[in-house]
Amino acid sequence: DITFLSARGATDVVVPTLQWLAREGFVYSKLVLVKEALDKVAWLEDAAMESEVMFVDDFTRGHHTAQPVVDDELLSALRLRAISFHVFVPEETRWPELAQQFAAPVVAPAVSEPPSADQ
C-alpha cells in the first residue's frame, strides 16, 4: 500500500497536487496532505502502529525557492523514532521504477486534507 504523504502548507492544493502526481506518473493508493514536513512524523508513527512503514522522500524543503535544502530536522526526527526511510533522488531514479521496487498497488487515490485554521 503506497500513501503519498506531502507537506503542502496550504489547504487549497489538493487539485494541483493530484494533477502533478498524475502528470509525473506517481502510483499510489492514498494521498495525505499535512501542513509542515515535521507533521509527517506523527502520521508515520500512527501508520506504523497498524502496519510496517517505509517512508520514501527526497528529504528537501524550500521547493518554492531556487535552491531546496536537505531537511535535516525531519531526518533527525525519523531516526530518533526509528522510522524506516529511503531517500528518493529524482535525478537518479524515476518514480515508476522506485514504485516497482516497493511493489506499488493499482492507482485508487483517496484524499485526506490538513485541518483548517479554524480547527
Protein backbone atom coordinates (compact mmCIF):
# COMPACT_ATOMS: atom_id res chain seq x y z
CA ASP A 1 0.00 0.00 0.00
CA ILE A 2 1.55 3.32 -1.03
CA THR A 3 0.41 6.56 0.59
CA PHE A 4 1.66 9.79 -0.93
CA LEU A 5 2.37 11.97 2.14
CA SER A 6 3.10 15.58 1.34
CA ALA A 7 3.64 18.77 3.33
CA ARG A 8 1.91 21.47 1.31
CA GLY A 9 1.45 24.34 3.78
CA ALA A 10 -2.00 25.26 2.43
CA THR A 11 -5.46 23.73 2.18
CA ASP A 12 -6.24 24.67 -1.43
CA VAL A 13 -3.63 22.42 -3.02
CA VAL A 14 -5.48 19.12 -3.41
CA VAL A 15 -6.36 19.52 -7.11
CA PRO A 16 -2.93 20.84 -8.17
CA THR A 17 -1.27 18.05 -6.18
CA LEU A 18 -3.44 15.36 -7.82
CA GLN A 19 -2.70 16.85 -11.24
CA TRP A 20 1.04 16.91 -10.57
CA LEU A 21 1.04 13.31 -9.32
CA ALA A 22 -0.82 12.16 -12.45
CA ARG A 23 1.46 14.15 -14.80
CA GLU A 24 4.60 12.74 -13.11
CA GLY A 25 3.32 9.16 -13.20
CA PHE A 26 3.14 8.57 -9.45
CA VAL A 27 1.35 5.38 -8.48
CA TYR A 28 -0.27 5.41 -5.02
CA SER A 29 -3.38 4.29 -3.17
CA LYS A 30 -3.91 7.27 -0.84
CA LEU A 31 -2.97 10.95 -0.67
CA VAL A 32 -2.38 12.60 2.71
CA LEU A 33 -1.57 16.31 2.92
CA VAL A 34 -0.08 17.80 6.06
CA LYS A 35 0.82 21.39 6.79
CA GLU A 36 4.55 21.05 7.55
CA ALA A 37 7.21 18.41 6.94
CA LEU A 38 7.53 17.54 10.63
CA ASP A 39 3.79 16.77 10.68
CA LYS A 40 4.66 13.75 8.56
CA VAL A 41 6.33 12.15 11.59
CA ALA A 42 3.12 11.97 13.63
CA TRP A 43 1.24 10.49 10.67
CA LEU A 44 4.00 7.91 10.14
CA GLU A 45 4.01 6.96 13.83
CA ASP A 46 0.24 6.36 13.69
CA ALA A 47 0.56 4.35 10.47
CA ALA A 48 3.38 2.25 11.94
CA MET A 49 1.07 1.15 14.74
CA GLU A 50 -1.13 -0.56 12.13
CA SER A 51 1.43 -1.96 9.68
CA GLU A 52 5.04 -1.83 8.56
CA VAL A 53 6.08 1.59 7.25
CA MET A 54 8.79 2.52 4.77
CA PHE A 55 8.92 6.29 4.24
CA VAL A 56 10.27 7.37 0.84
CA ASP A 57 11.00 11.07 0.42
CA ASP A 58 13.51 13.41 -1.20
CA PHE A 59 14.03 15.00 2.25
CA THR A 60 14.34 18.51 0.93
CA ARG A 61 12.43 21.66 1.79
CA GLY A 62 12.13 25.09 0.26
CA HIS A 63 10.92 23.94 -3.15
CA HIS A 64 9.34 27.37 -3.62
CA THR A 65 12.88 28.80 -3.70
CA ALA A 66 15.57 28.39 -6.33
CA GLN A 67 17.62 26.10 -4.06
CA PRO A 68 15.81 23.49 -1.96
CA VAL A 69 17.86 22.30 1.04
CA VAL A 70 18.12 19.00 2.89
CA ASP A 71 15.59 18.74 5.72
CA ASP A 72 17.93 17.60 8.49
CA GLU A 73 15.27 18.21 11.14
CA LEU A 74 12.89 15.71 9.52
CA LEU A 75 15.67 13.14 9.07
CA SER A 76 16.67 13.50 12.74
CA ALA A 77 13.06 13.07 13.90
CA LEU A 78 12.71 9.88 11.86
CA ARG A 79 15.97 8.46 13.18
CA LEU A 80 15.00 9.33 16.76
CA ARG A 81 11.73 7.40 16.36
CA ALA A 82 13.32 4.52 14.39
CA ILE A 83 11.03 5.06 11.39
CA SER A 84 12.42 3.31 8.30
CA PHE A 85 13.05 5.58 5.35
CA HIS A 86 14.54 5.63 1.87
CA VAL A 87 15.98 8.78 0.28
CA PHE A 88 14.42 9.30 -3.15
CA VAL A 89 16.73 11.19 -5.53
CA PRO A 90 14.59 12.27 -8.53
CA GLU A 91 17.66 12.94 -10.66
CA GLU A 92 18.80 9.33 -10.22
CA THR A 93 15.56 7.31 -10.12
CA ARG A 94 12.17 7.85 -11.72
CA TRP A 95 9.12 7.22 -9.56
CA PRO A 96 7.77 4.30 -11.66
CA GLU A 97 10.98 2.33 -11.08
CA LEU A 98 11.00 3.14 -7.38
CA ALA A 99 7.33 2.21 -7.05
CA GLN A 100 8.05 -1.16 -8.65
CA GLN A 101 10.86 -1.69 -6.16
CA PHE A 102 8.36 -1.23 -3.32
CA ALA A 103 5.58 -3.24 -5.07
CA ALA A 104 3.17 -0.42 -5.85
CA PRO A 105 -0.60 -1.13 -5.99
CA VAL A 106 -3.02 -0.08 -8.70
CA VAL A 107 -3.96 3.62 -8.53
CA ALA A 108 -7.13 4.22 -6.50
CA PRO A 109 -6.41 7.55 -4.80
CA ALA A 110 -8.13 8.77 -1.66
CA VAL A 111 -7.53 12.24 -0.25
CA SER A 112 -7.02 13.47 3.30
CA GLU A 113 -6.62 17.21 3.73
CA PRO A 114 -4.91 19.03 6.61
CA PRO A 115 -7.20 20.57 9.22
CA SER A 116 -8.28 24.13 8.53
CA ALA A 117 -7.01 27.01 10.65
CA ASP A 118 -10.42 27.09 12.36
CA GLN A 119 -9.96 23.65 13.92
